[in-house]
Amino acid sequence: QINIFCKGRGCNPSDDERTQFAQSNAKAAKLAIAASSFTRAQYYIDTGLQLLENQHWESHYCLTLDLFEMSASVNFINGNISKMSSCLDEILSHCRAFDDSLKASSLL
C-alpha cells in the first residue's frame, strides 16, 4: 500500500508511482476475486481507484476500465446494487468502443 511505501519518508508519490500502486491493487483484487474474497477485492479496487489521478479515464483508460468493471461485478456479488449501478454508469459514459461496454451491459 502507498501508506507503507511513504511511512517515515514524508513522501508525496509521483503520478507514475500512484499508477503503479493502482496497478498493484488491481492485480491484488483479481487474486482476491479468484479466492472468492470479495470484500477484500472491493478494498483493493477502491484503493486502486483512489490512487488514480483526476483525469484517469483519459490518462489510464485500460486500468480505469478494469477497476470499474471489477468493482461493478464485486458489488453485484456483494449485493450492493446501487454502487454496482453507479460503476456501470461510469463505464458506459466513458467507454471508447462498443467492445468496452459489453461487460458493463451484461450486468445491467
C-alpha atoms as a PDB file:
ATOM      1  CA  GLN A   1       0.000   0.000   0.000  1.00  0.00           C
ATOM      2  CA  ILE A   2       1.003   3.565  -0.512  1.00  0.00           C
ATOM      3  CA  ASN A   3       0.941   4.258   3.250  1.00  0.00           C
ATOM      4  CA  ILE A   4       3.574   1.584   3.833  1.00  0.00           C
ATOM      5  CA  PHE A   5       5.678   2.989   0.991  1.00  0.00           C
ATOM      6  CA  CYS A   6       5.547   6.505   2.381  1.00  0.00           C
ATOM      7  CA  LYS A   7       5.763   5.700   6.094  1.00  0.00           C
ATOM      8  CA  GLY A   8       8.654   7.568   7.607  1.00  0.00           C
ATOM      9  CA  ARG A   9       9.647   9.155   4.298  1.00  0.00           C
ATOM     10  CA  GLY A  10       7.260  12.104   4.350  1.00  0.00           C
ATOM     11  CA  CYS A  11       6.849  11.486   0.644  1.00  0.00           C
ATOM     12  CA  ASN A  12       4.418  12.709  -1.899  1.00  0.00           C
ATOM     13  CA  PRO A  13       4.341   9.939  -4.538  1.00  0.00           C
ATOM     14  CA  SER A  14       4.545  10.913  -8.178  1.00  0.00           C
ATOM     15  CA  ASP A  15       1.728  10.210 -10.614  1.00  0.00           C
ATOM     16  CA  ASP A  16       3.750   7.302 -12.001  1.00  0.00           C
ATOM     17  CA  GLU A  17       4.161   5.788  -8.523  1.00  0.00           C
ATOM     18  CA  ARG A  18       0.456   6.225  -7.812  1.00  0.00           C
ATOM     19  CA  THR A  19      -0.348   4.490 -11.111  1.00  0.00           C
ATOM     20  CA  GLN A  20       1.975   1.616 -10.221  1.00  0.00           C
ATOM     21  CA  PHE A  21       0.249   1.244  -6.859  1.00  0.00           C
ATOM     22  CA  ALA A  22      -3.152   1.320  -8.584  1.00  0.00           C
ATOM     23  CA  GLN A  23      -1.977  -1.446 -10.949  1.00  0.00           C
ATOM     24  CA  SER A  24      -0.737  -3.483  -7.983  1.00  0.00           C
ATOM     25  CA  ASN A  25      -4.113  -3.065  -6.301  1.00  0.00           C
ATOM     26  CA  ALA A  26      -5.871  -4.219  -9.490  1.00  0.00           C
ATOM     27  CA  LYS A  27      -3.702  -7.367  -9.508  1.00  0.00           C
ATOM     28  CA  ALA A  28      -4.394  -7.963  -5.818  1.00  0.00           C
ATOM     29  CA  ALA A  29      -8.126  -7.546  -6.470  1.00  0.00           C
ATOM     30  CA  LYS A  30      -8.000 -10.192  -9.214  1.00  0.00           C
ATOM     31  CA  LEU A  31      -6.266 -12.602  -6.839  1.00  0.00           C
ATOM     32  CA  ALA A  32      -8.854 -11.880  -4.138  1.00  0.00           C
ATOM     33  CA  ILE A  33     -11.689 -12.479  -6.620  1.00  0.00           C
ATOM     34  CA  ALA A  34     -10.105 -15.779  -7.665  1.00  0.00           C
ATOM     35  CA  ALA A  35     -10.033 -16.748  -3.975  1.00  0.00           C
ATOM     36  CA  SER A  36     -13.695 -15.673  -3.564  1.00  0.00           C
ATOM     37  CA  SER A  37     -12.658 -12.994  -1.083  1.00  0.00           C
ATOM     38  CA  PHE A  38     -14.969 -10.327  -2.456  1.00  0.00           C
ATOM     39  CA  THR A  39     -14.831  -7.920   0.491  1.00  0.00           C
ATOM     40  CA  ARG A  40     -11.035  -7.872   0.263  1.00  0.00           C
ATOM     41  CA  ALA A  41     -11.268  -7.480  -3.524  1.00  0.00           C
ATOM     42  CA  GLN A  42     -13.501  -4.420  -3.111  1.00  0.00           C
ATOM     43  CA  TYR A  43     -10.953  -2.909  -0.734  1.00  0.00           C
ATOM     44  CA  TYR A  44      -8.181  -3.306  -3.322  1.00  0.00           C
ATOM     45  CA  ILE A  45     -10.406  -1.961  -6.107  1.00  0.00           C
ATOM     46  CA  ASP A  46     -11.449   1.096  -4.085  1.00  0.00           C
ATOM     47  CA  THR A  47      -7.840   1.761  -3.133  1.00  0.00           C
ATOM     48  CA  GLY A  48      -6.764   1.456  -6.768  1.00  0.00           C
ATOM     49  CA  LEU A  49      -9.424   3.931  -7.883  1.00  0.00           C
ATOM     50  CA  GLN A  50      -8.479   6.405  -5.148  1.00  0.00           C
ATOM     51  CA  LEU A  51      -4.857   6.327  -6.299  1.00  0.00           C
ATOM     52  CA  LEU A  52      -5.658   7.356  -9.862  1.00  0.00           C
ATOM     53  CA  GLU A  53      -5.299  10.981 -10.864  1.00  0.00           C
ATOM     54  CA  ASN A  54      -8.290  13.208 -11.656  1.00  0.00           C
ATOM     55  CA  GLN A  55      -8.291  12.601 -15.414  1.00  0.00           C
ATOM     56  CA  HIS A  56      -7.890   8.836 -15.060  1.00  0.00           C
ATOM     57  CA  TRP A  57     -10.244   7.943 -17.911  1.00  0.00           C
ATOM     58  CA  GLU A  58      -8.064   9.943 -20.291  1.00  0.00           C
ATOM     59  CA  SER A  59      -4.634   9.065 -18.911  1.00  0.00           C
ATOM     60  CA  HIS A  60      -5.112   5.432 -17.786  1.00  0.00           C
ATOM     61  CA  TYR A  61      -8.133   4.211 -19.689  1.00  0.00           C
ATOM     62  CA  CYS A  62      -7.479   0.450 -19.589  1.00  0.00           C
ATOM     63  CA  LEU A  63      -6.618   0.410 -15.883  1.00  0.00           C
ATOM     64  CA  THR A  64      -9.632   2.569 -15.027  1.00  0.00           C
ATOM     65  CA  LEU A  65     -11.959   0.395 -17.115  1.00  0.00           C
ATOM     66  CA  ASP A  66     -10.571  -2.751 -15.480  1.00  0.00           C
ATOM     67  CA  LEU A  67     -11.037  -1.366 -11.959  1.00  0.00           C
ATOM     68  CA  PHE A  68     -14.597  -0.163 -12.648  1.00  0.00           C
ATOM     69  CA  GLU A  69     -15.575  -3.475 -14.282  1.00  0.00           C
ATOM     70  CA  MET A  70     -14.255  -5.398 -11.296  1.00  0.00           C
ATOM     71  CA  SER A  71     -15.993  -3.008  -8.933  1.00  0.00           C
ATOM     72  CA  ALA A  72     -19.328  -3.454 -10.689  1.00  0.00           C
ATOM     73  CA  SER A  73     -19.004  -7.250 -10.619  1.00  0.00           C
ATOM     74  CA  VAL A  74     -17.887  -7.428  -6.989  1.00  0.00           C
ATOM     75  CA  ASN A  75     -20.600  -5.006  -5.871  1.00  0.00           C
ATOM     76  CA  PHE A  76     -23.159  -7.180  -7.644  1.00  0.00           C
ATOM     77  CA  ILE A  77     -21.868 -10.268  -5.836  1.00  0.00           C
ATOM     78  CA  ASN A  78     -21.853  -8.404  -2.508  1.00  0.00           C
ATOM     79  CA  GLY A  79     -25.440  -7.242  -3.104  1.00  0.00           C
ATOM     80  CA  ASN A  80     -24.573  -3.554  -3.325  1.00  0.00           C
ATOM     81  CA  ILE A  81     -26.745  -2.848  -6.351  1.00  0.00           C
ATOM     82  CA  SER A  82     -26.665   0.951  -6.083  1.00  0.00           C
ATOM     83  CA  LYS A  83     -22.849   1.048  -6.166  1.00  0.00           C
ATOM     84  CA  MET A  84     -22.859  -1.503  -8.989  1.00  0.00           C
ATOM     85  CA  SER A  85     -25.211   0.783 -10.921  1.00  0.00           C
ATOM     86  CA  SER A  86     -23.027   3.830 -10.453  1.00  0.00           C
ATOM     87  CA  CYS A  87     -19.967   1.859 -11.625  1.00  0.00           C
ATOM     88  CA  LEU A  88     -21.867   0.749 -14.730  1.00  0.00           C
ATOM     89  CA  ASP A  89     -22.989   4.316 -15.415  1.00  0.00           C
ATOM     90  CA  GLU A  90     -19.384   5.470 -15.110  1.00  0.00           C
ATOM     91  CA  ILE A  91     -18.209   2.803 -17.561  1.00  0.00           C
ATOM     92  CA  LEU A  92     -20.959   3.452 -20.096  1.00  0.00           C
ATOM     93  CA  SER A  93     -20.404   7.205 -20.004  1.00  0.00           C
ATOM     94  CA  HIS A  94     -16.651   6.861 -20.664  1.00  0.00           C
ATOM     95  CA  CYS A  95     -16.236   3.768 -22.838  1.00  0.00           C
ATOM     96  CA  ARG A  96     -14.388   4.415 -26.071  1.00  0.00           C
ATOM     97  CA  ALA A  97     -15.579   1.442 -28.067  1.00  0.00           C
ATOM     98  CA  PHE A  98     -18.593  -0.827 -28.225  1.00  0.00           C
ATOM     99  CA  ASP A  99     -16.497  -3.779 -27.027  1.00  0.00           C
ATOM    100  CA  ASP A 100     -15.604  -1.837 -23.878  1.00  0.00           C
ATOM    101  CA  SER A 101     -19.281  -1.560 -22.996  1.00  0.00           C
ATOM    102  CA  LEU A 102     -20.124  -5.262 -23.372  1.00  0.00           C
ATOM    103  CA  LYS A 103     -19.152  -6.426 -19.886  1.00  0.00           C
ATOM    104  CA  ALA A 104     -20.971  -3.484 -18.306  1.00  0.00           C
ATOM    105  CA  SER A 105     -24.038  -4.079 -20.461  1.00  0.00           C
ATOM    106  CA  SER A 106     -24.114  -7.751 -19.464  1.00  0.00           C
ATOM    107  CA  LEU A 107     -24.511  -6.748 -15.808  1.00  0.00           C
ATOM    108  CA  LEU A 108     -27.488  -4.478 -16.482  1.00  0.00           C
END
